[in-house]
């Protein structure tokens, strides 16, 4: 029983036929009767749920003995072919290396305990012809991959001792992890428990089995610890119904309406109403304890990130540092996680989800340094700049220099321009000596630049003094244009001189607003620059000459000069 068409109402899957909520057939796949079927989200890269089932009449359905089909439409996604009544098959994520759930059917002579058959990936790819028992599957240990529940069967007593195993994909074999001694399974070769369900509510499943002498029922629950948090499976209506109908017809393990397995997403929050419950929580959890400051990548870094939600409680808290999963509390050594980089910032992201599904996220940054032997934070360095020192021009070419004349050295130097980090430098150890470093700038445009900096070591961060640079001569100086048309005959030389100022790397000479010559110039501030062009055939009249010098930061035009041609 499952809402396969996602309209909020349940359908009933009768083997190859699915009945809609109104009692009319939703579809008939015409694959005929099968003894085992499983309904859940098995193929995780497509929407909705799927149905995996085996069939006992391949002669009438095109020789299909097992198939994975779309639960809503009945479309066959993939199938296995054969000619023998195939009575056993199961589906669950038992291989964490293969996305989605695996599905397998018995093969060979199709005996109920056949160790051979076809183990398919969710895509239909054949992973193995050695298969686990096609009986029951159970979430038992601490991971989200499902275990194989079977029995060690005795033909004489027609009962078996229940067993729980994991599937080893590399060896293609079951590995037994639990044997329920002193108890027996039901239904002869089918080897069912009395019931299997998440009875105690932590999402792993309990197995209720009868005592060997038939005088009582014993419930087994896992003792494995898990970090995975999933809502109680009985709060998923499809799973709850599957538990109820588990003892109807041939027993099958219950499946929820969503995928549980390796690489699963955040499980859906169940829609539950409690009698006498408080008002619905409408706020996300509050996260606290986000780290900041300096972190040594080589030393234990203590995390103490918590989340609080007094209304519905916190379901989960996840933390990453530069995308690497870390525990929310406890010590981590970042270098052991592959996180390093002197002077680099690492982003810490904490995400908390409450039991009503509201999510909050907080981010912070920590500054990474390698381990050093300093026992105190750095001393306070002094920033200075060399703008205008060389030739008096504040042309955008200068150095910003940091000097630490006294105090504990830094391991990392970080320079900020107008509040934005622009440079990070790893500094050489200078125990007992002054420390100097600097950053060179070229071609800065006109403007005001305030520089601040930090010296960092494993013990802390110390701000330096600040220094300000005002660039007012980034564009070329003003050229002077002249001519030698003294006889006014229309043939003359135009000369543009830059006697002083920031050099240009290109020029234009304009006559009456039209470019009559252009070219490149070799910049070597503060040397003088000159450009010339010879003109002829200039028509009689008064004409205006202008020279324009330019570089990457702008252009500067000369004052216009009039030339007269008779």
Protein backbone atom coordinates (compact mmCIF):
# COMPACT_ATOMS: atom_id res chain seq x y z
CA UNK A 1 0.00 0.00 0.00
CA UNK A 2 1.67 3.23 -1.16
CA UNK A 3 0.90 6.64 -2.65
CA UNK A 4 2.57 5.78 -5.95
CA UNK A 5 1.04 8.67 -7.95
CA UNK A 6 1.90 11.27 -5.27
CA UNK A 7 -1.63 12.67 -4.92
CA UNK A 8 -1.80 12.23 -1.15
CA UNK A 9 -3.98 9.11 -1.38
CA UNK A 10 -2.84 5.51 -1.24
CA UNK A 11 -2.90 2.94 -4.02
CA UNK A 12 -2.84 -0.84 -3.60
CA UNK A 13 -0.20 -2.76 -5.52
CA UNK A 14 -1.52 -6.26 -6.33
CA UNK A 15 1.60 -7.73 -7.93
CA UNK A 16 1.46 -6.68 -11.59
CA UNK A 17 -1.74 -4.61 -11.11
CA UNK A 18 -2.03 -1.32 -9.25
CA UNK A 19 -5.44 -0.07 -8.01
CA UNK A 20 -5.93 3.69 -7.68
CA UNK A 21 -7.46 5.28 -4.57
CA UNK A 22 -10.89 5.36 -6.25
CA UNK A 23 -10.94 1.59 -6.80
CA UNK A 24 -10.19 1.80 -10.53
CA UNK A 25 -7.07 0.25 -12.05
CA UNK A 26 -4.21 2.76 -12.24
CA UNK A 27 -2.47 0.43 -14.69
CA UNK A 28 -1.94 -3.26 -15.41
CA UNK A 29 1.61 -4.17 -16.36
CA UNK A 30 0.41 -7.63 -17.51
CA UNK A 31 3.48 -9.27 -16.02
CA UNK A 32 1.22 -11.72 -14.14
CA UNK A 33 1.55 -13.17 -10.68
CA UNK A 34 4.68 -12.98 -8.53
CA UNK A 35 5.46 -14.22 -5.02
CA UNK A 36 7.53 -11.23 -3.87
CA UNK A 37 7.38 -7.48 -4.47
CA UNK A 38 8.98 -4.42 -2.93
CA UNK A 39 7.86 -0.77 -3.20
CA UNK A 40 10.04 2.25 -2.30
CA UNK A 41 12.34 4.84 -3.84
CA UNK A 42 14.94 2.44 -5.18
CA UNK A 43 16.21 4.45 -8.18
CA UNK A 44 17.33 7.73 -6.68
CA UNK A 45 18.07 9.69 -9.86
CA UNK A 46 14.43 9.68 -10.97
CA UNK A 47 11.29 11.04 -9.26
CA UNK A 48 8.80 8.94 -7.37
CA UNK A 49 8.92 5.32 -6.28
CA UNK A 50 9.62 2.05 -8.01
CA UNK A 51 8.30 -1.52 -7.73
CA UNK A 52 10.66 -4.48 -7.86
CA UNK A 53 9.06 -7.90 -8.19
CA UNK A 54 9.69 -11.43 -9.40
CA UNK A 55 7.29 -13.50 -11.53
CA UNK A 56 6.29 -17.12 -11.78
CA UNK A 57 4.78 -17.16 -15.32
CA UNK A 58 7.51 -15.95 -17.69
CA UNK A 59 5.98 -17.93 -20.54
CA UNK A 60 3.05 -15.51 -20.57
CA UNK A 61 4.80 -12.18 -20.01
CA UNK A 62 7.66 -12.23 -22.49
CA UNK A 63 10.08 -14.35 -20.44
CA UNK A 64 10.45 -11.73 -17.69
CA UNK A 65 11.35 -13.28 -14.32
CA UNK A 66 12.14 -10.03 -12.48
CA UNK A 67 11.58 -6.35 -13.23
CA UNK A 68 12.01 -2.86 -11.83
CA UNK A 69 9.16 -0.63 -12.91
CA UNK A 70 7.87 2.89 -12.35
CA UNK A 71 5.37 2.62 -9.51
CA UNK A 72 3.17 5.40 -10.92
CA UNK A 73 2.99 4.38 -14.58
CA UNK A 74 4.00 0.72 -14.63
CA UNK A 75 6.75 1.46 -17.16
CA UNK A 76 9.38 -1.28 -17.03
CA UNK A 77 12.73 0.39 -16.32
CA UNK A 78 14.70 -2.84 -16.69
CA UNK A 79 14.11 -6.57 -16.40
CA UNK A 80 15.80 -9.95 -16.21
CA UNK A 81 14.82 -12.72 -18.57
CA UNK A 82 14.33 -16.42 -17.90
CA UNK A 83 11.96 -19.31 -18.28
CA UNK A 84 11.61 -20.66 -14.71
CA UNK A 85 9.07 -19.77 -12.00
CA UNK A 86 11.09 -17.33 -9.92
CA UNK A 87 9.67 -17.14 -6.41
CA UNK A 88 12.24 -15.16 -4.45
CA UNK A 89 13.59 -11.64 -4.90
CA UNK A 90 14.49 -8.65 -2.72
CA UNK A 91 15.50 -5.00 -3.05
CA UNK A 92 17.56 -2.79 -0.71
CA UNK A 93 20.77 -0.79 -0.68
CA UNK A 94 23.30 -3.45 0.31
CA UNK A 95 26.27 -2.10 -1.69
CA UNK A 96 27.40 1.45 -0.75
CA UNK A 97 29.53 1.70 -3.90
CA UNK A 98 26.49 1.43 -6.18
CA UNK A 99 24.03 4.40 -6.16
CA UNK A 100 20.49 3.69 -5.06
CA UNK A 101 19.17 0.27 -4.10
CA UNK A 102 20.26 -3.08 -5.45
CA UNK A 103 17.74 -5.78 -6.41
CA UNK A 104 18.28 -9.50 -6.78
CA UNK A 105 16.39 -12.61 -7.80
CA UNK A 106 17.19 -16.29 -7.37
CA UNK A 107 18.48 -18.12 -10.42
CA UNK A 108 19.86 -21.47 -11.39
CA UNK A 109 17.12 -23.95 -10.52
CA UNK A 110 15.27 -21.04 -8.82
CA UNK A 111 15.29 -22.84 -5.45
CA UNK A 112 14.33 -20.66 -2.51
CA UNK A 113 17.89 -20.75 -1.12
CA UNK A 114 19.75 -20.58 -4.43
CA UNK A 115 23.12 -18.82 -3.94
CA UNK A 116 23.17 -17.83 -7.60
CA UNK A 117 20.93 -15.51 -9.53
CA UNK A 118 21.16 -11.91 -10.69
CA UNK A 119 22.17 -8.99 -8.49
CA UNK A 120 21.31 -5.75 -10.30
CA UNK A 121 22.24 -2.16 -9.62
CA UNK A 122 19.40 0.35 -9.53
CA UNK A 123 20.17 1.05 -13.20
CA UNK A 124 19.74 -2.59 -14.11
CA UNK A 125 23.47 -3.21 -14.51
CA UNK A 126 24.38 -6.73 -13.43
CA UNK A 127 26.71 -6.51 -10.45
CA UNK A 128 27.04 -10.20 -9.68
CA UNK A 129 25.59 -13.63 -10.30
CA UNK A 130 26.39 -14.56 -6.70
CA UNK A 131 23.54 -13.23 -4.59
CA UNK A 132 22.61 -12.87 -0.92
CA UNK A 133 19.56 -14.61 0.50
CA UNK A 134 16.41 -13.27 -1.13
CA UNK A 135 14.37 -13.40 2.04
CA UNK A 136 14.23 -10.40 4.41
CA UNK A 137 16.34 -7.23 4.70
CA UNK A 138 16.81 -5.25 7.92
CA UNK A 139 18.40 -1.96 9.02
CA UNK A 140 20.46 -3.26 11.90
CA UNK A 141 23.93 -1.79 12.44
CA UNK A 142 25.10 1.81 12.50
CA UNK A 143 25.30 2.55 8.77
CA UNK A 144 22.41 3.19 6.39
CA UNK A 145 23.13 0.18 4.20
CA UNK A 146 20.60 -2.60 4.87
CA UNK A 147 21.52 -6.04 6.18
CA UNK A 148 20.37 -9.48 5.02
CA UNK A 149 18.03 -11.37 7.37
CA UNK A 150 17.73 -15.10 6.72
CA UNK A 151 17.78 -18.40 8.64
CA UNK A 152 19.90 -21.50 9.02
CA UNK A 153 17.20 -23.93 7.92
CA UNK A 154 16.67 -27.49 9.18
CA UNK A 155 14.75 -29.67 6.71
CA UNK A 156 13.72 -32.12 9.45
CA UNK A 157 12.12 -29.59 11.79
CA UNK A 158 11.15 -27.22 8.94
CA UNK A 159 12.41 -24.30 11.04
CA UNK A 160 15.54 -22.21 11.04
CA UNK A 161 17.71 -20.18 13.39
CA UNK A 162 17.44 -16.48 12.37
CA UNK A 163 20.66 -14.84 11.11
CA UNK A 164 21.68 -11.31 10.17
CA UNK A 165 24.48 -10.72 7.64
CA UNK A 166 26.08 -7.94 5.68
CA UNK A 167 26.86 -8.19 1.97
CA UNK A 168 30.53 -7.89 0.98
CA UNK A 169 30.43 -6.45 -2.58
CA UNK A 170 34.12 -7.16 -3.21
CA UNK A 171 33.99 -10.82 -2.16
CA UNK A 172 30.38 -11.15 -3.39
CA UNK A 173 29.34 -13.03 -0.28
CA UNK A 174 27.37 -12.65 2.94
CA UNK A 175 29.20 -12.07 6.23
CA UNK A 176 27.17 -13.18 9.26
CA UNK A 177 27.13 -10.63 12.10
CA UNK A 178 24.36 -11.94 14.36
CA UNK A 179 22.76 -15.31 15.06
CA UNK A 180 19.57 -15.32 17.15
CA UNK A 181 20.28 -18.52 19.08
CA UNK A 182 17.42 -20.15 20.97
CA UNK A 183 14.78 -18.84 18.54
CA UNK A 184 13.18 -20.01 15.32
CA UNK A 185 11.74 -18.52 12.16
CA UNK A 186 8.21 -19.07 10.81
CA UNK A 187 6.68 -20.26 7.52
CA UNK A 188 9.14 -23.08 6.78
CA UNK A 189 11.55 -22.09 4.00
CA UNK A 190 10.38 -18.48 3.96
CA UNK A 191 12.08 -18.02 7.32
CA UNK A 192 10.07 -15.00 8.50
CA UNK A 193 10.28 -13.35 11.91
CA UNK A 194 7.05 -12.91 13.84
CA UNK A 195 7.35 -9.27 12.84
CA UNK A 196 10.06 -6.82 11.80
CA UNK A 197 9.64 -3.10 12.46
CA UNK A 198 11.25 0.01 13.93
CA UNK A 199 9.53 -0.68 17.22
CA UNK A 200 11.77 1.37 19.52
CA UNK A 201 12.06 4.42 17.30
CA UNK A 202 15.71 5.10 16.42
CA UNK A 203 15.15 4.00 12.74
CA UNK A 204 17.03 0.70 13.08
CA UNK A 205 14.67 -2.24 13.06
CA UNK A 206 13.81 -4.77 15.74
CA UNK A 207 13.19 -8.45 15.05
CA UNK A 208 10.49 -10.26 17.02
CA UNK A 209 11.00 -14.01 16.79
CA UNK A 210 9.47 -17.00 18.56
CA UNK A 211 11.40 -18.96 21.15
CA UNK A 212 12.68 -22.32 19.99
CA UNK A 213 10.19 -24.18 22.21
CA UNK A 214 7.29 -21.98 21.15
CA UNK A 215 6.57 -20.67 24.67
CA UNK A 216 7.15 -17.01 23.97
CA UNK A 217 8.40 -14.21 21.75
CA UNK A 218 11.80 -12.55 22.04
CA UNK A 219 12.55 -9.08 20.60
CA UNK A 220 16.07 -8.36 19.37
CA UNK A 221 17.36 -4.79 18.97
CA UNK A 222 20.75 -3.59 17.78
CA UNK A 223 23.39 -2.42 20.26
CA UNK A 224 25.41 -0.62 17.57
CA UNK A 225 25.83 3.14 18.02
CA UNK A 226 24.99 5.34 15.03
CA UNK A 227 25.54 9.01 14.20
CA UNK A 228 22.78 8.90 11.59
CA UNK A 229 19.52 10.57 12.59
CA UNK A 230 16.35 9.56 10.76
CA UNK A 231 12.78 10.06 12.00
CA UNK A 232 11.15 6.98 13.51
CA UNK A 233 10.28 4.80 10.51
CA UNK A 234 6.81 4.09 11.91
CA UNK A 235 6.02 7.77 11.34
CA UNK A 236 6.26 7.16 7.59
CA UNK A 237 2.75 6.05 6.67
CA UNK A 238 3.92 3.69 3.93
CA UNK A 239 6.33 1.93 6.29
CA UNK A 240 3.67 1.72 9.02
CA UNK A 241 1.20 0.15 6.58
CA UNK A 242 3.92 -2.22 5.36
CA UNK A 243 4.41 -3.40 8.95
CA UNK A 244 0.64 -3.93 9.24
CA UNK A 245 0.37 -5.90 6.01
CA UNK A 246 3.65 -7.76 6.61
CA UNK A 247 1.65 -10.73 7.89
CA UNK A 248 -0.76 -10.63 4.97
CA UNK A 249 -0.13 -13.11 2.12
CA UNK A 250 3.59 -13.83 1.71
CA UNK A 251 5.58 -11.87 4.29
CA UNK A 252 7.83 -9.14 2.92
CA UNK A 253 10.11 -6.68 4.73
CA UNK A 254 8.66 -3.17 5.18
CA UNK A 255 9.98 -0.27 3.10
CA UNK A 256 9.46 3.48 3.67
CA UNK A 257 8.33 5.90 0.98
CA UNK A 258 11.82 7.40 0.65
CA UNK A 259 15.31 6.07 0.03
CA UNK A 260 17.50 5.06 2.95
CA UNK A 261 21.00 4.11 1.93
CA UNK A 262 24.46 5.35 1.02
CA UNK A 263 24.38 8.90 -0.33
CA UNK A 264 20.80 9.51 0.83
CA UNK A 265 19.49 13.05 1.14
CA UNK A 266 17.88 14.62 4.17
CA UNK A 267 14.98 12.32 5.10
CA UNK A 268 11.52 13.94 4.92
CA UNK A 269 9.99 15.24 8.10
CA UNK A 270 6.82 13.27 8.88
CA UNK A 271 3.54 15.13 9.21
CA UNK A 272 2.44 14.15 12.71
CA UNK A 273 -0.16 15.59 15.06
CA UNK A 274 0.02 14.88 18.78
CA UNK A 275 -2.91 15.08 21.18
CA UNK A 276 -2.33 18.01 23.53
CA UNK A 277 0.87 19.00 21.68
CA UNK A 278 2.22 22.55 21.90
CA UNK A 279 1.81 24.95 18.99
CA UNK A 280 3.73 24.16 15.82
CA UNK A 281 7.32 25.35 15.84
CA UNK A 282 7.71 28.12 13.27
CA UNK A 283 11.33 29.07 13.92
CA UNK A 284 14.63 27.45 13.05
CA UNK A 285 17.19 26.32 15.63
CA UNK A 286 19.66 28.83 17.05
CA UNK A 287 23.27 27.85 16.42
CA UNK A 288 26.02 28.95 18.79
CA UNK A 289 29.69 28.29 19.35
CA UNK A 290 30.88 29.11 15.83
CA UNK A 291 34.70 29.31 15.87
CA UNK A 292 36.78 32.27 14.76
CA UNK A 293 40.34 33.52 15.05
CA UNK A 294 43.52 31.58 14.43
CA UNK A 295 43.69 27.80 14.16
CA UNK A 296 46.89 25.78 13.98
CA UNK A 297 46.41 23.07 11.38
CA UNK A 298 48.85 20.78 13.18
CA UNK A 299 47.35 20.97 16.67
CA UNK A 300 43.98 19.72 18.02
CA UNK A 301 41.27 22.27 17.33
CA UNK A 302 38.35 22.06 19.74
CA UNK A 303 34.89 22.50 18.27
CA UNK A 304 31.91 23.18 20.52
CA UNK A 305 29.08 24.05 18.10
CA UNK A 306 25.61 23.57 19.50
CA UNK A 307 22.04 24.23 18.41
CA UNK A 308 19.02 24.98 20.56
CA UNK A 309 15.33 24.77 19.73
CA UNK A 310 13.05 24.73 22.79
CA UNK A 311 9.86 24.32 20.73
CA UNK A 312 10.37 21.12 18.73
CA UNK A 313 13.93 20.15 19.59
CA UNK A 314 16.97 19.74 17.38
CA UNK A 315 17.00 16.77 15.03
CA UNK A 316 20.50 17.11 13.58
CA UNK A 317 23.57 19.35 13.54
CA UNK A 318 26.13 18.97 10.75
CA UNK A 319 29.42 20.85 10.48
CA UNK A 320 31.92 21.18 7.65
CA UNK A 321 35.27 22.92 7.42
CA UNK A 322 36.08 23.80 3.81
CA UNK A 323 33.57 21.17 2.76
CA UNK A 324 35.03 18.39 4.93
CA UNK A 325 32.59 16.84 7.43
CA UNK A 326 33.71 17.20 11.05
CA UNK A 327 31.99 16.52 14.38
CA UNK A 328 30.12 19.44 15.93
CA UNK A 329 32.00 18.99 19.19
CA UNK A 330 35.38 17.57 20.08
CA UNK A 331 38.93 17.91 18.83
CA UNK A 332 39.92 17.76 15.17
CA UNK A 333 43.37 18.12 13.60
CA UNK A 334 42.82 19.92 10.31
CA UNK A 335 46.03 18.64 8.73
CA UNK A 336 44.75 15.09 9.21
CA UNK A 337 41.70 16.05 7.14
CA UNK A 338 43.83 17.42 4.30
CA UNK A 339 43.10 21.04 5.27
CA UNK A 340 46.19 23.26 5.26
CA UNK A 341 47.53 26.58 4.02
CA UNK A 342 49.38 29.20 6.04
CA UNK A 343 47.42 32.43 6.08
CA UNK A 344 44.43 30.97 4.25
CA UNK A 345 40.92 31.29 5.57
CA UNK A 346 38.84 28.16 6.07
CA UNK A 347 35.04 28.39 6.05
CA UNK A 348 33.15 26.68 8.84
CA UNK A 349 29.50 25.91 8.02
CA UNK A 350 27.05 24.59 10.61
CA UNK A 351 23.56 23.45 9.64
CA UNK A 352 20.91 22.59 12.21
CA UNK A 353 17.49 21.05 11.53
CA UNK A 354 14.70 20.92 14.08
CA UNK A 355 12.01 18.30 14.35
CA UNK A 356 9.54 20.46 12.40
CA UNK A 357 11.94 20.62 9.48
CA UNK A 358 13.13 24.21 9.87
CA UNK A 359 16.78 24.63 8.96
CA UNK A 360 19.29 27.26 10.04
CA UNK A 361 22.82 27.75 8.79
CA UNK A 362 25.69 29.74 10.28
CA UNK A 363 29.09 30.35 8.74
CA UNK A 364 32.34 31.65 10.12
CA UNK A 365 35.96 31.72 9.06
CA UNK A 366 39.11 30.69 10.83
CA UNK A 367 42.62 31.71 9.85
CA UNK A 368 44.96 28.79 9.31
CA UNK A 369 48.60 28.69 10.36
CA UNK A 370 51.09 25.89 10.63
CA UNK A 371 52.42 25.10 14.06
CA UNK A 372 55.08 27.53 15.34
CA UNK A 373 56.93 27.84 18.63
CA UNK A 374 55.77 31.31 19.61
CA UNK A 375 54.26 31.70 23.07
CA UNK A 376 52.47 35.02 22.50
CA UNK A 377 50.64 36.91 19.77
CA UNK A 378 52.77 39.05 17.42
CA UNK A 379 53.95 42.52 18.31
CA UNK A 380 52.43 45.55 16.57
CA UNK A 381 54.01 46.29 13.22
CA UNK A 382 54.23 49.67 11.51
CA UNK A 383 52.98 50.25 7.97
CA UNK A 384 54.48 52.88 5.69
CA UNK A 385 54.45 53.60 1.97
CA UNK A 386 56.89 54.91 -0.63
CA UNK A 387 54.44 56.83 -2.82
CA UNK A 388 56.18 59.91 -4.29
CA UNK A 389 59.56 59.02 -2.83
CA UNK A 390 61.35 58.42 -6.13
CA UNK A 391 60.45 61.57 -8.07
CA UNK A 392 57.67 63.34 -6.24
CA UNK A 393 54.81 61.96 -8.32
CA UNK A 394 51.98 60.03 -6.71
CA UNK A 395 51.48 58.06 -9.89
CA UNK A 396 50.22 54.74 -8.53
CA UNK A 397 53.60 53.04 -8.33
CA UNK A 398 54.73 52.45 -4.75
CA UNK A 399 55.48 49.94 -2.03
CA UNK A 400 53.61 49.32 1.20
CA UNK A 401 56.13 48.20 3.81
CA UNK A 402 55.59 46.57 7.21
CA UNK A 403 58.29 46.77 9.88
CA UNK A 404 58.09 45.00 13.22
CA UNK A 405 60.88 46.67 15.14
CA UNK A 406 60.26 44.84 18.42
CA UNK A 407 58.11 42.01 19.77
CA UNK A 408 57.09 38.46 18.94
CA UNK A 409 57.25 37.84 15.18
CA UNK A 410 54.37 36.79 13.00
CA UNK A 411 54.03 33.65 10.89
CA UNK A 412 51.69 35.24 8.38
CA UNK A 413 51.28 38.81 7.07
CA UNK A 414 47.87 39.86 5.71
CA UNK A 415 47.43 43.19 3.90
CA UNK A 416 44.07 44.90 3.43
CA UNK A 417 43.28 47.69 0.97
CA UNK A 418 40.26 49.77 1.90
CA UNK A 419 39.13 46.91 4.13
CA UNK A 420 39.52 44.14 1.54
CA UNK A 421 42.15 41.42 1.91
CA UNK A 422 44.51 41.68 -1.06
CA UNK A 423 47.70 39.87 -0.05
CA UNK A 424 48.74 37.04 2.25
CA UNK A 425 52.40 36.28 2.87
CA UNK A 426 54.04 33.49 4.86
CA UNK A 427 56.95 35.00 6.81
CA UNK A 428 60.25 33.38 7.63
CA UNK A 429 60.97 32.85 11.35
CA UNK A 430 62.97 35.74 12.81
CA UNK A 431 63.21 34.88 16.49
CA UNK A 432 64.83 37.76 18.34
CA UNK A 433 65.12 39.95 15.21
CA UNK A 434 63.04 42.62 13.54
CA UNK A 435 60.66 41.54 10.78
CA UNK A 436 60.11 43.31 7.46
CA UNK A 437 57.94 42.55 4.46
CA UNK A 438 56.30 44.58 1.74
CA UNK A 439 54.01 44.58 -1.26
CA UNK A 440 54.67 46.47 -4.50
CA UNK A 441 51.98 48.19 -6.53
CA UNK A 442 52.07 49.48 -10.09
CA UNK A 443 49.53 51.29 -12.21
CA UNK A 444 47.02 52.08 -9.47
CA UNK A 445 44.39 54.56 -10.71
CA UNK A 446 43.77 57.90 -9.03
CA UNK A 447 42.12 57.48 -5.67
CA UNK A 448 42.66 57.15 -1.94
CA UNK A 449 43.92 53.84 -0.61
CA UNK A 450 43.98 53.04 3.09
CA UNK A 451 46.16 50.10 4.00
CA UNK A 452 45.84 48.06 7.17
CA UNK A 453 47.48 44.77 7.99
CA UNK A 454 47.60 41.89 10.43
CA UNK A 455 50.47 39.87 11.80
CA UNK A 456 49.37 36.34 12.67
CA UNK A 457 50.93 33.46 14.55
CA UNK A 458 49.55 30.42 16.36
CA UNK A 459 48.82 32.52 19.46
CA UNK A 460 46.73 35.24 17.84
CA UNK A 461 46.30 38.17 15.48
CA UNK A 462 47.71 41.69 15.95
CA UNK A 463 46.73 44.66 13.81
CA UNK A 464 49.49 46.89 12.52
CA UNK A 465 49.30 50.65 12.16
CA UNK A 466 47.71 51.97 8.97
CA UNK A 467 49.05 54.02 6.08
CA UNK A 468 47.20 55.95 3.38
CA UNK A 469 48.22 56.57 -0.21
CA UNK A 470 46.59 59.28 -2.32
CA UNK A 471 47.21 58.69 -6.02
CA UNK A 472 46.61 61.87 -8.02
CA UNK A 473 48.96 61.48 -10.96
CA UNK A 474 48.09 58.09 -12.39
CA UNK A 475 47.07 59.49 -15.76
CA UNK A 476 49.75 61.08 -17.97
CA UNK A 477 50.98 64.60 -17.33
CA UNK A 478 49.74 67.40 -19.60
CA UNK A 479 51.50 67.51 -22.97
CA UNK A 480 52.30 70.76 -24.78
CA UNK A 481 51.60 70.92 -28.52
CA UNK A 482 53.41 73.23 -30.95
CA UNK A 483 54.09 73.67 -34.69
CA UNK A 484 56.63 75.31 -37.02
CA UNK A 485 54.23 76.66 -39.66
CA UNK A 486 55.82 80.08 -39.60
CA UNK A 487 55.44 80.60 -43.36
CA UNK A 488 51.82 79.49 -43.20
CA UNK A 489 52.11 77.36 -46.34
CA UNK A 490 50.31 74.31 -44.99
CA UNK A 491 53.39 72.12 -44.69
CA UNK A 492 54.69 71.89 -41.10
CA UNK A 493 55.73 69.69 -38.21
CA UNK A 494 53.53 69.22 -35.15
CA UNK A 495 55.37 68.42 -31.89
CA UNK A 496 53.87 67.22 -28.60
CA UNK A 497 56.16 67.40 -25.55
CA UNK A 498 55.58 66.06 -22.05
CA UNK A 499 58.15 67.94 -20.03
CA UNK A 500 57.11 66.64 -16.60
CA UNK A 501 54.69 64.17 -15.15
CA UNK A 502 53.61 60.61 -15.39
CA UNK A 503 54.52 59.11 -18.74
CA UNK A 504 52.11 57.90 -21.39
CA UNK A 505 52.36 54.73 -23.45
CA UNK A 506 50.37 56.03 -26.46
CA UNK A 507 49.38 59.29 -28.10
CA UNK A 508 47.01 60.88 -30.66
CA UNK A 509 47.54 64.16 -32.52
CA UNK A 510 44.30 65.78 -33.71
CA UNK A 511 43.75 68.45 -36.34
CA UNK A 512 40.33 70.00 -36.10
CA UNK A 513 39.16 67.05 -34.01
CA UNK A 514 40.36 64.38 -36.47
CA UNK A 515 43.25 62.09 -35.59
CA UNK A 516 46.10 62.75 -38.01
CA UNK A 517 48.71 60.69 -36.20
CA UNK A 518 48.89 58.15 -33.37
CA UNK A 519 51.47 55.81 -31.97
CA UNK A 520 53.11 54.20 -28.99
CA UNK A 521 55.43 55.80 -26.48
CA UNK A 522 58.05 54.27 -24.21
CA UNK A 523 57.06 55.10 -20.65
CA UNK A 524 59.90 55.90 -18.28
CA UNK A 525 58.54 58.28 -15.67
CA UNK A 526 59.72 60.94 -14.91
CA UNK A 527 61.65 61.31 -18.21
CA UNK A 528 60.35 63.68 -20.87
CA UNK A 529 58.41 62.31 -23.85
CA UNK A 530 57.96 63.60 -27.37
CA UNK A 531 55.77 62.77 -30.37
CA UNK A 532 56.02 64.43 -33.83
CA UNK A 533 54.23 64.29 -37.14
CA UNK A 534 54.83 66.13 -40.43
CA UNK A 535 51.72 67.44 -42.14
CA UNK A 536 51.34 68.74 -45.69
CA UNK A 537 48.55 69.92 -47.91
CA UNK A 538 46.63 71.47 -45.06
CA UNK A 539 43.93 73.67 -46.56
CA UNK A 540 43.94 77.47 -46.01
CA UNK A 541 42.24 78.66 -42.84
CA UNK A 542 42.57 78.56 -39.07
CA UNK A 543 43.00 75.04 -37.63
CA UNK A 544 43.10 73.67 -34.08
CA UNK A 545 45.84 71.33 -32.93
CA UNK A 546 45.50 69.09 -29.81
CA UNK A 547 47.74 66.32 -28.47
CA UNK A 548 46.30 63.56 -26.29
CA UNK A 549 48.62 61.37 -24.17
CA UNK A 550 47.18 58.24 -22.53
CA UNK A 551 48.02 55.25 -20.39
CA UNK A 552 46.02 52.51 -18.64
CA UNK A 553 44.72 54.97 -16.05
CA UNK A 554 43.44 57.69 -18.35
CA UNK A 555 44.28 60.28 -20.93
CA UNK A 556 45.28 63.91 -20.81
CA UNK A 557 44.83 66.47 -23.58
CA UNK A 558 47.01 69.48 -24.26
CA UNK A 559 45.66 72.97 -24.49
CA UNK A 560 44.58 73.65 -28.07
CA UNK A 561 46.92 75.60 -30.37
CA UNK A 562 45.77 77.44 -33.51
CA UNK A 563 47.72 77.11 -36.75
CA UNK A 564 46.88 79.43 -39.70
CA UNK A 565 47.37 78.47 -43.36
CA UNK A 566 47.19 81.15 -46.11
